[in-house]
Structures are given as structure tokens and as C-alpha cells.
């Protein structure tokens, strides 16, 4: 908070200052780092819920009035192709299975960061069509909340079943079973 406030008071970017302060503390002091992790687990969840309450009560109705059909189409693309393709590309060379890449792409980066970046964009920069950009970003977050919430349980269950099947049929699993039988 000190880094954020100091940066904002001299015309800097508070988010970047807070990020850099966090990196520094994480690399310098392990006891403080442990306390921050405990805070993030408990109070961090509460703060996230408050951000989404603010999003639903204030930002979404404001953005909805500026949303066009084209903007909604772009929000759908942003939720799917525009986000999932870079995730898939970033996972090339990791030897992950296709279903794992797809799962990570679908449930990957989302949520609060999009809200924060959209708000920073509106505050810091004078860009053309800023209301349209804000409306599309908020529509993407709303779609994400709805679609990811709707698909979380069934897709997690599907992925768990797929993972168990792969484990059961992998050569490593067969080798382990054979080794276990020899020792019994």
C-alpha cells in the first residue's frame, strides 16, 4: 500500500509499484512472505469477492449501456479463441496432453485482472472508443463468470476421469503394477 500510494503521489503507476514491491519483499524476507501468503489465502478471497460484488453492482450495468452486438461478439471471441490460443501456444514444448492444454486454456487467465486493467486503461490513458473497450472487457468478465461457473464442475469431473484413464493405461502404470506383483 505504501508503494502504491508513493507512486500515485508522484504521478507513477501504483499497480506497477505494488508489483515491484511485492517482488522485492518475496525475494528478501521469507517470514514476511509467509505472512503475506496466509493473508492472501484468507483475506484475499474476501477482497476478490468484494471486487466481483462491485463489478456486478456498479461496473456491469454501466458497461451494458455501451455494449453493441459487435462488442458482444468480440467478448465471446476474447473469452474463447483470443484467450485460449495464446495459452495453447505458450504450452508448446511442455509435453502436456491436448486435453490438458485445452483445460488450462479454458480455465486459465481470467477474472479480477481484466477488471483492474480495464479500469487502469480508463484512468491512465486517453484512448479512442474507451467506453466500447470498457464495455467489451466487462462483458468478457461477465461471460467468464457465467460460463466458467457453469462448466467448472462438469469439466473438472470429465478431466479427472480422463486423467485417471491415462494413468491406468500408461506404460509407467503397467511397469509399476508388474514390479509390485514381483515383490508380493
N, C-alpha and C. Protein backbone atom coordinates (compact mmCIF):
# COMPACT_ATOMS: atom_id res chain seq x y z
N UNK A 1 0.82 -1.18 0.00
CA UNK A 1 0.00 0.00 0.00
C UNK A 1 0.87 1.26 0.00
N UNK A 2 2.00 1.18 0.71
CA UNK A 2 2.92 2.32 0.74
C UNK A 2 3.49 2.56 -0.65
N UNK A 3 3.91 1.48 -1.33
CA UNK A 3 4.47 1.62 -2.67
C UNK A 3 3.43 2.17 -3.63
N UNK A 4 2.20 1.68 -3.54
CA UNK A 4 1.13 2.16 -4.40
C UNK A 4 0.89 3.66 -4.16
N UNK A 5 0.74 4.03 -2.90
CA UNK A 5 0.49 5.43 -2.56
C UNK A 5 1.62 6.35 -2.97
N UNK A 6 2.85 5.91 -2.74
CA UNK A 6 4.01 6.74 -3.10
C UNK A 6 4.07 6.95 -4.61
N UNK A 7 3.85 5.89 -5.37
CA UNK A 7 3.89 6.02 -6.84
C UNK A 7 2.79 6.93 -7.35
N UNK A 8 1.58 6.76 -6.83
CA UNK A 8 0.46 7.61 -7.26
C UNK A 8 0.69 9.08 -6.91
N UNK A 9 1.32 9.33 -5.75
CA UNK A 9 1.54 10.72 -5.32
C UNK A 9 2.53 11.47 -6.20
N UNK A 10 3.40 10.75 -6.89
CA UNK A 10 4.35 11.42 -7.79
C UNK A 10 3.99 11.22 -9.26
N UNK A 11 2.76 10.73 -9.52
CA UNK A 11 2.29 10.57 -10.90
C UNK A 11 2.70 9.25 -11.55
N UNK A 12 3.19 8.31 -10.77
CA UNK A 12 3.57 7.00 -11.30
C UNK A 12 2.40 6.03 -11.31
N UNK A 13 2.67 4.81 -11.72
CA UNK A 13 1.65 3.78 -11.77
C UNK A 13 1.70 2.98 -10.47
N UNK A 14 0.67 3.08 -9.67
CA UNK A 14 0.61 2.41 -8.38
C UNK A 14 0.63 0.90 -8.49
N UNK A 15 -0.01 0.34 -9.53
CA UNK A 15 -0.05 -1.11 -9.70
C UNK A 15 1.33 -1.68 -9.99
N UNK A 16 2.08 -1.00 -10.83
CA UNK A 16 3.44 -1.46 -11.14
C UNK A 16 4.32 -1.33 -9.90
N UNK A 17 4.17 -0.25 -9.15
CA UNK A 17 4.96 -0.06 -7.92
C UNK A 17 4.64 -1.14 -6.90
N UNK A 18 3.36 -1.46 -6.73
CA UNK A 18 2.97 -2.52 -5.78
C UNK A 18 3.50 -3.87 -6.23
N UNK A 19 3.47 -4.14 -7.53
CA UNK A 19 4.01 -5.40 -8.06
C UNK A 19 5.51 -5.50 -7.78
N UNK A 20 6.24 -4.43 -8.06
CA UNK A 20 7.70 -4.43 -7.82
C UNK A 20 8.01 -4.56 -6.33
N UNK A 21 7.22 -3.91 -5.48
CA UNK A 21 7.42 -4.03 -4.03
C UNK A 21 7.17 -5.47 -3.59
N UNK A 22 6.16 -6.09 -4.14
CA UNK A 22 5.88 -7.49 -3.83
C UNK A 22 7.00 -8.42 -4.25
N UNK A 23 7.55 -8.19 -5.44
CA UNK A 23 8.70 -8.99 -5.89
C UNK A 23 9.89 -8.83 -4.95
N UNK A 24 10.13 -7.61 -4.54
CA UNK A 24 11.26 -7.34 -3.65
C UNK A 24 11.08 -8.02 -2.30
N UNK A 25 9.91 -7.86 -1.70
CA UNK A 25 9.65 -8.47 -0.40
C UNK A 25 9.74 -10.00 -0.51
N UNK A 26 9.19 -10.57 -1.57
CA UNK A 26 9.23 -12.02 -1.76
C UNK A 26 10.63 -12.57 -1.88
N UNK A 27 11.54 -11.78 -2.41
CA UNK A 27 12.92 -12.24 -2.58
C UNK A 27 13.82 -11.91 -1.41
N UNK A 28 13.39 -11.03 -0.51
CA UNK A 28 14.26 -10.56 0.56
C UNK A 28 13.89 -11.15 1.92
N UNK A 29 12.61 -11.28 2.21
CA UNK A 29 12.20 -11.67 3.56
C UNK A 29 11.21 -12.84 3.53
N UNK A 30 11.67 -14.02 3.93
CA UNK A 30 10.81 -15.19 3.97
C UNK A 30 9.72 -15.10 5.04
N UNK A 31 10.01 -14.61 6.27
CA UNK A 31 8.92 -14.52 7.27
C UNK A 31 7.78 -13.61 6.82
N UNK A 32 8.12 -12.47 6.23
CA UNK A 32 7.07 -11.57 5.74
C UNK A 32 6.32 -12.24 4.60
N UNK A 33 7.05 -12.95 3.75
CA UNK A 33 6.44 -13.64 2.61
C UNK A 33 5.42 -14.68 3.09
N UNK A 34 5.75 -15.44 4.16
CA UNK A 34 4.81 -16.42 4.70
C UNK A 34 3.55 -15.74 5.22
N UNK A 35 3.71 -14.62 5.91
CA UNK A 35 2.55 -13.89 6.44
C UNK A 35 1.67 -13.37 5.30
N UNK A 36 2.30 -12.92 4.24
CA UNK A 36 1.54 -12.43 3.08
C UNK A 36 0.76 -13.56 2.43
N UNK A 37 1.37 -14.74 2.34
CA UNK A 37 0.66 -15.90 1.77
C UNK A 37 -0.55 -16.26 2.61
N UNK A 38 -0.42 -16.23 3.94
CA UNK A 38 -1.55 -16.51 4.81
C UNK A 38 -2.65 -15.47 4.61
N UNK A 39 -2.25 -14.19 4.48
CA UNK A 39 -3.22 -13.14 4.22
C UNK A 39 -3.94 -13.38 2.90
N UNK A 40 -3.18 -13.70 1.88
CA UNK A 40 -3.74 -13.89 0.54
C UNK A 40 -4.75 -15.03 0.52
N UNK A 41 -4.48 -16.07 1.30
CA UNK A 41 -5.41 -17.20 1.32
C UNK A 41 -6.75 -16.83 1.93
N UNK A 42 -6.75 -16.09 3.01
CA UNK A 42 -7.99 -15.77 3.71
C UNK A 42 -8.60 -14.46 3.24
N UNK A 43 -7.95 -13.36 3.55
CA UNK A 43 -8.49 -12.05 3.23
C UNK A 43 -8.49 -11.80 1.72
N UNK A 44 -7.55 -12.39 1.02
CA UNK A 44 -7.50 -12.23 -0.43
C UNK A 44 -8.77 -12.75 -1.10
N UNK A 45 -9.30 -13.86 -0.61
CA UNK A 45 -10.55 -14.39 -1.14
C UNK A 45 -11.70 -13.40 -0.88
N UNK A 46 -11.72 -12.83 0.30
CA UNK A 46 -12.75 -11.86 0.64
C UNK A 46 -12.66 -10.63 -0.27
N UNK A 47 -11.44 -10.14 -0.49
CA UNK A 47 -11.26 -8.98 -1.37
C UNK A 47 -11.69 -9.30 -2.80
N UNK A 48 -11.41 -10.50 -3.26
CA UNK A 48 -11.84 -10.91 -4.59
C UNK A 48 -13.36 -10.90 -4.69
N UNK A 49 -14.02 -11.41 -3.67
CA UNK A 49 -15.49 -11.41 -3.67
C UNK A 49 -16.04 -9.98 -3.67
N UNK A 50 -15.38 -9.09 -2.93
CA UNK A 50 -15.81 -7.69 -2.91
C UNK A 50 -15.64 -7.03 -4.28
N UNK A 51 -14.54 -7.35 -4.97
CA UNK A 51 -14.31 -6.81 -6.31
C UNK A 51 -15.43 -7.27 -7.24
N UNK A 52 -15.80 -8.55 -7.16
CA UNK A 52 -16.87 -9.04 -8.03
C UNK A 52 -18.23 -8.47 -7.64
N UNK A 53 -18.44 -8.18 -6.37
CA UNK A 53 -19.68 -7.51 -5.95
C UNK A 53 -19.74 -6.11 -6.56
N UNK A 54 -18.63 -5.37 -6.48
CA UNK A 54 -18.54 -4.04 -7.08
C UNK A 54 -18.73 -4.14 -8.60
N UNK A 55 -18.11 -5.13 -9.20
CA UNK A 55 -18.23 -5.35 -10.64
C UNK A 55 -19.69 -5.54 -11.04
N UNK A 56 -20.39 -6.42 -10.33
CA UNK A 56 -21.78 -6.71 -10.69
C UNK A 56 -22.73 -5.57 -10.38
N UNK A 57 -22.47 -4.85 -9.30
CA UNK A 57 -23.39 -3.79 -8.88
C UNK A 57 -23.16 -2.47 -9.60
N UNK A 58 -21.91 -2.15 -9.94
CA UNK A 58 -21.60 -0.83 -10.48
C UNK A 58 -21.09 -0.88 -11.92
N UNK A 59 -20.06 -1.67 -12.15
CA UNK A 59 -19.40 -1.64 -13.46
C UNK A 59 -20.21 -2.30 -14.57
N UNK A 60 -20.81 -3.44 -14.29
CA UNK A 60 -21.53 -4.16 -15.34
C UNK A 60 -22.74 -3.39 -15.86
N UNK A 61 -23.59 -2.82 -15.01
CA UNK A 61 -24.70 -2.03 -15.56
C UNK A 61 -24.23 -0.83 -16.38
N UNK A 62 -23.14 -0.21 -15.93
CA UNK A 62 -22.57 0.93 -16.66
C UNK A 62 -22.07 0.49 -18.04
N UNK A 63 -21.40 -0.64 -18.10
CA UNK A 63 -20.85 -1.14 -19.36
C UNK A 63 -21.95 -1.63 -20.28
N UNK A 64 -22.99 -2.22 -19.73
CA UNK A 64 -24.07 -2.79 -20.54
C UNK A 64 -24.72 -1.75 -21.44
N UNK A 65 -24.81 -0.52 -20.97
CA UNK A 65 -25.44 0.53 -21.77
C UNK A 65 -24.63 0.87 -23.02
N UNK A 66 -23.34 0.56 -23.03
CA UNK A 66 -22.49 0.86 -24.19
C UNK A 66 -22.19 -0.38 -25.05
N UNK A 67 -22.73 -1.53 -24.68
CA UNK A 67 -22.39 -2.77 -25.39
C UNK A 67 -23.21 -2.90 -26.67
N UNK A 68 -22.51 -3.16 -27.78
CA UNK A 68 -23.16 -3.36 -29.07
C UNK A 68 -23.10 -4.84 -29.43
N UNK A 69 -23.77 -5.22 -30.51
CA UNK A 69 -23.72 -6.60 -30.98
C UNK A 69 -22.28 -6.98 -31.35
N UNK A 70 -21.58 -6.08 -32.02
CA UNK A 70 -20.18 -6.32 -32.40
C UNK A 70 -19.31 -6.47 -31.15
N UNK A 71 -19.55 -5.63 -30.16
CA UNK A 71 -18.80 -5.73 -28.91
C UNK A 71 -19.04 -7.05 -28.20
N UNK A 72 -20.30 -7.52 -28.20
CA UNK A 72 -20.62 -8.81 -27.58
C UNK A 72 -19.95 -9.94 -28.34
N UNK A 73 -19.93 -9.86 -29.66
CA UNK A 73 -19.26 -10.88 -30.48
C UNK A 73 -17.76 -10.92 -30.14
N UNK A 74 -17.15 -9.74 -30.01
CA UNK A 74 -15.73 -9.68 -29.66
C UNK A 74 -15.50 -10.22 -28.25
N UNK A 75 -16.42 -9.97 -27.32
CA UNK A 75 -16.29 -10.50 -25.96
C UNK A 75 -16.31 -12.03 -25.98
N UNK A 76 -17.17 -12.61 -26.81
CA UNK A 76 -17.21 -14.08 -26.94
C UNK A 76 -15.88 -14.59 -27.51
N UNK A 77 -15.38 -13.90 -28.54
CA UNK A 77 -14.07 -14.29 -29.09
C UNK A 77 -12.96 -14.16 -28.04
N UNK A 78 -13.01 -13.08 -27.25
CA UNK A 78 -12.00 -12.86 -26.21
C UNK A 78 -12.04 -13.96 -25.17
N UNK A 79 -13.22 -14.43 -24.84
CA UNK A 79 -13.37 -15.49 -23.84
C UNK A 79 -12.85 -16.83 -24.37
N UNK A 80 -12.94 -17.03 -25.66
CA UNK A 80 -12.58 -18.33 -26.23
C UNK A 80 -11.26 -18.24 -27.01
N UNK A 81 -11.34 -17.96 -28.27
CA UNK A 81 -10.17 -18.04 -29.17
C UNK A 81 -9.04 -17.10 -28.77
N UNK A 82 -9.35 -15.84 -28.53
CA UNK A 82 -8.31 -14.85 -28.27
C UNK A 82 -7.55 -15.16 -26.99
N UNK A 83 -8.19 -15.80 -26.03
CA UNK A 83 -7.50 -16.16 -24.80
C UNK A 83 -6.91 -17.56 -24.85
N UNK A 84 -7.64 -18.49 -25.42
CA UNK A 84 -7.20 -19.88 -25.40
C UNK A 84 -6.03 -20.15 -26.35
N UNK A 85 -5.99 -19.47 -27.48
CA UNK A 85 -4.91 -19.69 -28.44
C UNK A 85 -3.54 -19.30 -27.88
N UNK A 86 -3.37 -18.13 -27.27
CA UNK A 86 -2.07 -17.81 -26.68
C UNK A 86 -1.67 -18.78 -25.56
N UNK A 87 -2.64 -19.24 -24.78
CA UNK A 87 -2.32 -20.22 -23.74
C UNK A 87 -1.81 -21.51 -24.37
N UNK A 88 -2.48 -21.96 -25.42
CA UNK A 88 -2.06 -23.18 -26.12
C UNK A 88 -0.66 -23.01 -26.71
N UNK A 89 -0.40 -21.86 -27.30
CA UNK A 89 0.92 -21.60 -27.87
C UNK A 89 1.98 -21.58 -26.77
N UNK A 90 1.65 -20.97 -25.64
CA UNK A 90 2.63 -20.89 -24.54
C UNK A 90 2.95 -22.26 -23.94
N UNK A 91 2.09 -23.23 -24.15
CA UNK A 91 2.30 -24.57 -23.60
C UNK A 91 3.00 -25.52 -24.57
N UNK A 92 3.33 -25.03 -25.76
CA UNK A 92 4.06 -25.86 -26.71
C UNK A 92 5.42 -26.21 -26.10
N UNK A 93 5.78 -27.46 -26.19
CA UNK A 93 7.05 -27.92 -25.64
C UNK A 93 6.96 -28.41 -24.21
N UNK A 94 5.79 -28.35 -23.61
CA UNK A 94 5.64 -28.80 -22.22
C UNK A 94 5.30 -30.28 -22.11
N UNK A 95 5.03 -30.93 -23.20
CA UNK A 95 4.64 -32.34 -23.26
C UNK A 95 3.31 -32.63 -22.58
N UNK A 96 2.50 -31.59 -22.44
CA UNK A 96 1.16 -31.81 -21.89
C UNK A 96 0.26 -32.39 -22.97
N UNK A 97 -0.70 -33.21 -22.55
CA UNK A 97 -1.66 -33.78 -23.49
C UNK A 97 -2.57 -32.68 -24.03
N UNK A 98 -3.20 -32.93 -25.15
CA UNK A 98 -4.10 -31.96 -25.77
C UNK A 98 -5.25 -31.56 -24.86
N UNK A 99 -5.84 -32.55 -24.16
CA UNK A 99 -6.96 -32.22 -23.28
C UNK A 99 -6.51 -31.35 -22.11
N UNK A 100 -5.28 -31.54 -21.65
CA UNK A 100 -4.75 -30.71 -20.58
C UNK A 100 -4.55 -29.29 -21.05
N UNK A 101 -4.03 -29.12 -22.26
CA UNK A 101 -3.85 -27.77 -22.82
C UNK A 101 -5.19 -27.07 -22.99
N UNK A 102 -6.17 -27.80 -23.48
CA UNK A 102 -7.50 -27.24 -23.66
C UNK A 102 -8.09 -26.82 -22.32
N UNK A 103 -7.96 -27.68 -21.31
CA UNK A 103 -8.50 -27.41 -19.98
C UNK A 103 -7.84 -26.17 -19.37
N UNK A 104 -6.53 -26.07 -19.48
CA UNK A 104 -5.81 -24.90 -18.97
C UNK A 104 -6.23 -23.65 -19.74
N UNK A 105 -6.38 -23.77 -21.04
CA UNK A 105 -6.81 -22.63 -21.85
C UNK A 105 -8.20 -22.14 -21.48
N UNK A 106 -9.11 -23.06 -21.21
CA UNK A 106 -10.47 -22.67 -20.86
C UNK A 106 -10.53 -22.03 -19.47
N UNK A 107 -9.86 -22.64 -18.49
CA UNK A 107 -9.93 -22.13 -17.14
C UNK A 107 -8.73 -21.26 -16.76
N UNK A 108 -7.90 -20.91 -17.75
CA UNK A 108 -6.69 -20.15 -17.49
C UNK A 108 -6.93 -18.72 -17.05
N UNK A 109 -6.09 -17.79 -17.48
CA UNK A 109 -6.15 -16.40 -17.00
C UNK A 109 -7.54 -15.79 -17.19
N UNK A 110 -8.07 -15.23 -16.11
CA UNK A 110 -9.39 -14.62 -16.18
C UNK A 110 -9.65 -13.82 -14.91
N UNK A 111 -10.75 -13.07 -14.89
CA UNK A 111 -11.27 -12.51 -13.66
C UNK A 111 -10.83 -11.11 -13.30
N UNK A 112 -10.35 -10.98 -12.07
CA UNK A 112 -10.09 -9.68 -11.45
C UNK A 112 -9.07 -8.88 -12.25
N UNK A 113 -8.06 -9.53 -12.80
CA UNK A 113 -7.03 -8.80 -13.56
C UNK A 113 -7.64 -8.04 -14.72
N UNK A 114 -8.61 -8.61 -15.40
CA UNK A 114 -9.26 -7.92 -16.53
C UNK A 114 -9.99 -6.67 -16.06
N UNK A 115 -10.63 -6.76 -14.92
CA UNK A 115 -11.33 -5.60 -14.37
C UNK A 115 -10.33 -4.49 -14.03
N UNK A 116 -9.25 -4.87 -13.35
CA UNK A 116 -8.24 -3.89 -12.95
C UNK A 116 -7.59 -3.25 -14.17
N UNK A 117 -7.21 -4.06 -15.16
CA UNK A 117 -6.57 -3.50 -16.35
C UNK A 117 -7.51 -2.56 -17.11
N UNK A 118 -8.78 -2.91 -17.18
CA UNK A 118 -9.73 -2.03 -17.86
C UNK A 118 -9.86 -0.70 -17.11
N UNK A 119 -9.92 -0.76 -15.79
CA UNK A 119 -10.01 0.47 -15.00
C UNK A 119 -8.75 1.32 -15.12
N UNK A 120 -7.59 0.67 -15.15
CA UNK A 120 -6.32 1.41 -15.33
C UNK A 120 -6.32 2.08 -16.70
N UNK A 121 -6.76 1.36 -17.71
CA UNK A 121 -6.83 1.92 -19.06
C UNK A 121 -7.69 3.17 -19.08
N UNK A 122 -8.85 3.11 -18.44
CA UNK A 122 -9.75 4.27 -18.43
C UNK A 122 -9.16 5.44 -17.66
N UNK A 123 -8.42 5.15 -16.59
CA UNK A 123 -7.89 6.22 -15.75
C UNK A 123 -6.61 6.84 -16.32
N UNK A 124 -5.73 6.02 -16.83
CA UNK A 124 -4.38 6.46 -17.21
C UNK A 124 -4.26 6.98 -18.65
N UNK A 125 -5.08 6.49 -19.56
CA UNK A 125 -4.86 6.78 -20.98
C UNK A 125 -6.11 7.37 -21.62
N UNK A 126 -5.88 8.23 -22.57
CA UNK A 126 -6.98 8.80 -23.34
C UNK A 126 -7.01 8.10 -24.69
N UNK A 127 -7.69 6.97 -24.74
CA UNK A 127 -7.76 6.18 -25.97
C UNK A 127 -9.11 6.39 -26.63
N UNK A 128 -9.13 6.33 -27.96
CA UNK A 128 -10.42 6.45 -28.64
C UNK A 128 -11.31 5.24 -28.32
N UNK A 129 -12.60 5.47 -28.31
CA UNK A 129 -13.59 4.42 -28.06
C UNK A 129 -13.41 3.73 -26.71
N UNK A 130 -12.99 4.47 -25.72
CA UNK A 130 -12.72 3.87 -24.42
C UNK A 130 -13.96 3.27 -23.78
N UNK A 131 -15.14 3.83 -24.02
CA UNK A 131 -16.36 3.25 -23.47
C UNK A 131 -16.64 1.88 -24.10
N UNK A 132 -16.36 1.77 -25.39
CA UNK A 132 -16.57 0.49 -26.08
C UNK A 132 -15.60 -0.56 -25.55
N UNK A 133 -14.34 -0.17 -25.37
CA UNK A 133 -13.33 -1.10 -24.85
C UNK A 133 -13.71 -1.56 -23.44
N UNK A 134 -14.16 -0.61 -22.63
CA UNK A 134 -14.58 -0.94 -21.26
C UNK A 134 -15.78 -1.88 -21.29
N UNK A 135 -16.75 -1.61 -22.15
CA UNK A 135 -17.94 -2.45 -22.24
C UNK A 135 -17.58 -3.87 -22.66
N UNK A 136 -16.68 -4.00 -23.62
CA UNK A 136 -16.26 -5.32 -24.09
C UNK A 136 -15.52 -6.06 -22.98
N UNK A 137 -14.64 -5.37 -22.28
CA UNK A 137 -13.90 -6.01 -21.18
C UNK A 137 -14.85 -6.49 -20.09
N UNK A 138 -15.82 -5.68 -19.72
CA UNK A 138 -16.77 -6.07 -18.67
C UNK A 138 -17.68 -7.20 -19.15
N UNK A 139 -18.08 -7.17 -20.42
CA UNK A 139 -18.90 -8.26 -20.97
C UNK A 139 -18.11 -9.56 -20.97
N UNK A 140 -16.81 -9.48 -21.28
CA UNK A 140 -15.97 -10.68 -21.27
C UNK A 140 -15.88 -11.25 -19.86
N UNK A 141 -15.71 -10.39 -18.88
CA UNK A 141 -15.64 -10.86 -17.48
C UNK A 141 -16.98 -11.47 -17.07
N UNK A 142 -18.08 -10.83 -17.43
CA UNK A 142 -19.40 -11.38 -17.08
C UNK A 142 -19.62 -12.74 -17.74
N UNK A 143 -19.26 -12.85 -19.01
CA UNK A 143 -19.37 -14.15 -19.69
C UNK A 143 -18.47 -15.19 -19.02
N UNK A 144 -17.29 -14.77 -18.62
CA UNK A 144 -16.36 -15.68 -17.95
C UNK A 144 -16.95 -16.19 -16.64
N UNK A 145 -17.50 -15.29 -15.84
CA UNK A 145 -18.11 -15.69 -14.57
C UNK A 145 -19.23 -16.70 -14.84
N UNK A 146 -20.07 -16.41 -15.81
CA UNK A 146 -21.20 -17.28 -16.10
C UNK A 146 -20.74 -18.62 -16.70
N UNK A 147 -19.95 -18.56 -17.76
CA UNK A 147 -19.56 -19.79 -18.47
C UNK A 147 -18.61 -20.66 -17.64
N UNK A 148 -17.65 -20.05 -16.99
CA UNK A 148 -16.73 -20.85 -16.18
C UNK A 148 -17.44 -21.41 -14.95
N UNK A 149 -18.34 -20.63 -14.38
CA UNK A 149 -19.11 -21.14 -13.25
C UNK A 149 -20.00 -22.29 -13.65
N UNK A 150 -20.60 -22.20 -14.82
CA UNK A 150 -21.48 -23.25 -15.32
C UNK A 150 -20.73 -24.52 -15.68
N UNK A 151 -19.52 -24.38 -16.19
CA UNK A 151 -18.77 -25.56 -16.68
C UNK A 151 -17.73 -26.09 -15.71
N UNK A 152 -17.49 -25.42 -14.60
CA UNK A 152 -16.40 -25.83 -13.69
C UNK A 152 -16.58 -27.26 -13.20
N UNK A 153 -17.72 -27.58 -12.65
CA UNK A 153 -17.91 -28.92 -12.09
C UNK A 153 -17.90 -30.01 -13.17
N UNK A 154 -18.72 -29.89 -14.24
CA UNK A 154 -18.71 -30.99 -15.21
C UNK A 154 -17.36 -31.17 -15.92
N UNK A 155 -16.68 -30.07 -16.25
CA UNK A 155 -15.40 -30.21 -16.94
C UNK A 155 -14.31 -30.72 -16.00
N UNK A 156 -14.33 -30.31 -14.74
CA UNK A 156 -13.35 -30.83 -13.78
C UNK A 156 -13.56 -32.33 -13.58
N UNK A 157 -14.81 -32.74 -13.52
CA UNK A 157 -15.12 -34.17 -13.37
C UNK A 157 -14.66 -34.94 -14.62
N UNK A 158 -14.96 -34.40 -15.81
CA UNK A 158 -14.52 -35.03 -17.07
C UNK A 158 -13.00 -35.14 -17.11
N UNK A 159 -12.32 -34.06 -16.72
CA UNK A 159 -10.86 -34.07 -16.77
C UNK A 159 -10.28 -35.07 -15.77
N UNK A 160 -10.87 -35.18 -14.60
CA UNK A 160 -10.40 -36.15 -13.61
C UNK A 160 -10.54 -37.58 -14.13
N UNK A 161 -11.67 -37.88 -14.77
CA UNK A 161 -11.88 -39.22 -15.34
C UNK A 161 -10.86 -39.48 -16.44
N UNK A 162 -10.64 -38.50 -17.33
CA UNK A 162 -9.65 -38.66 -18.41
C UNK A 162 -8.25 -38.89 -17.85
N UNK A 163 -7.90 -38.16 -16.81
CA UNK A 163 -6.58 -38.29 -16.22
C UNK A 163 -6.40 -39.66 -15.59
N UNK A 164 -7.42 -40.17 -14.92
CA UNK A 164 -7.34 -41.50 -14.32
C UNK A 164 -7.21 -42.57 -15.39
N UNK A 165 -7.92 -42.43 -16.50
CA UNK A 165 -7.82 -43.40 -17.60
C UNK A 165 -6.41 -43.41 -18.18
N UNK A 166 -5.85 -42.22 -18.37
CA UNK A 166 -4.50 -42.13 -18.93
C UNK A 166 -3.48 -42.76 -17.98
N UNK A 167 -3.63 -42.49 -16.69
CA UNK A 167 -2.72 -43.07 -15.70
C UNK A 167 -2.81 -44.59 -15.71
N UNK A 168 -4.03 -45.11 -15.81
CA UNK A 168 -4.24 -46.56 -15.75
C UNK A 168 -3.69 -47.27 -16.97
N UNK A 169 -3.65 -46.59 -18.12
CA UNK A 169 -3.18 -47.25 -19.34
C UNK A 169 -1.77 -46.87 -19.76
N UNK A 170 -1.12 -46.03 -18.98
CA UNK A 170 0.22 -45.59 -19.37
C UNK A 170 1.24 -46.72 -19.15
N UNK A 171 2.32 -46.74 -19.95
CA UNK A 171 3.36 -47.76 -19.78
C UNK A 171 3.97 -47.72 -18.38
N UNK A 172 4.06 -46.55 -17.80
CA UNK A 172 4.62 -46.43 -16.45
C UNK A 172 3.73 -47.16 -15.46
N UNK A 173 2.41 -47.03 -15.62
CA UNK A 173 1.48 -47.71 -14.71
C UNK A 173 1.62 -49.22 -14.83
N UNK A 174 1.72 -49.72 -16.08
CA UNK A 174 1.91 -51.16 -16.28
C UNK A 174 3.21 -51.65 -15.65
N UNK A 175 4.26 -50.89 -15.82
CA UNK A 175 5.56 -51.26 -15.25
C UNK A 175 5.47 -51.32 -13.72
N UNK A 176 4.80 -50.34 -13.13
CA UNK A 176 4.66 -50.30 -11.67
C UNK A 176 3.86 -51.49 -11.17
N UNK A 177 2.75 -51.85 -11.89
CA UNK A 177 1.96 -52.99 -11.46
C UNK A 177 2.77 -54.28 -11.55
N UNK A 178 3.54 -54.42 -12.63
CA UNK A 178 4.37 -55.62 -12.79
C UNK A 178 5.43 -55.71 -11.71
N UNK A 179 6.05 -54.59 -11.38
CA UNK A 179 7.06 -54.57 -10.32
C UNK A 179 6.44 -54.92 -8.99
N UNK A 180 5.25 -54.40 -8.73
CA UNK A 180 4.56 -54.66 -7.47
C UNK A 180 4.23 -56.15 -7.33
N UNK A 181 3.78 -56.78 -8.43
CA UNK A 181 3.45 -58.21 -8.37
C UNK A 181 4.68 -59.06 -8.06
N UNK A 182 5.81 -58.68 -8.59
CA UNK A 182 7.04 -59.45 -8.33
C UNK A 182 7.41 -59.42 -6.85
N UNK A 183 7.14 -58.33 -6.18
CA UNK A 183 7.53 -58.20 -4.79
C UNK A 183 6.47 -58.75 -3.84
N UNK A 184 5.31 -59.13 -4.33
CA UNK A 184 4.26 -59.64 -3.43
C UNK A 184 4.47 -61.08 -3.14
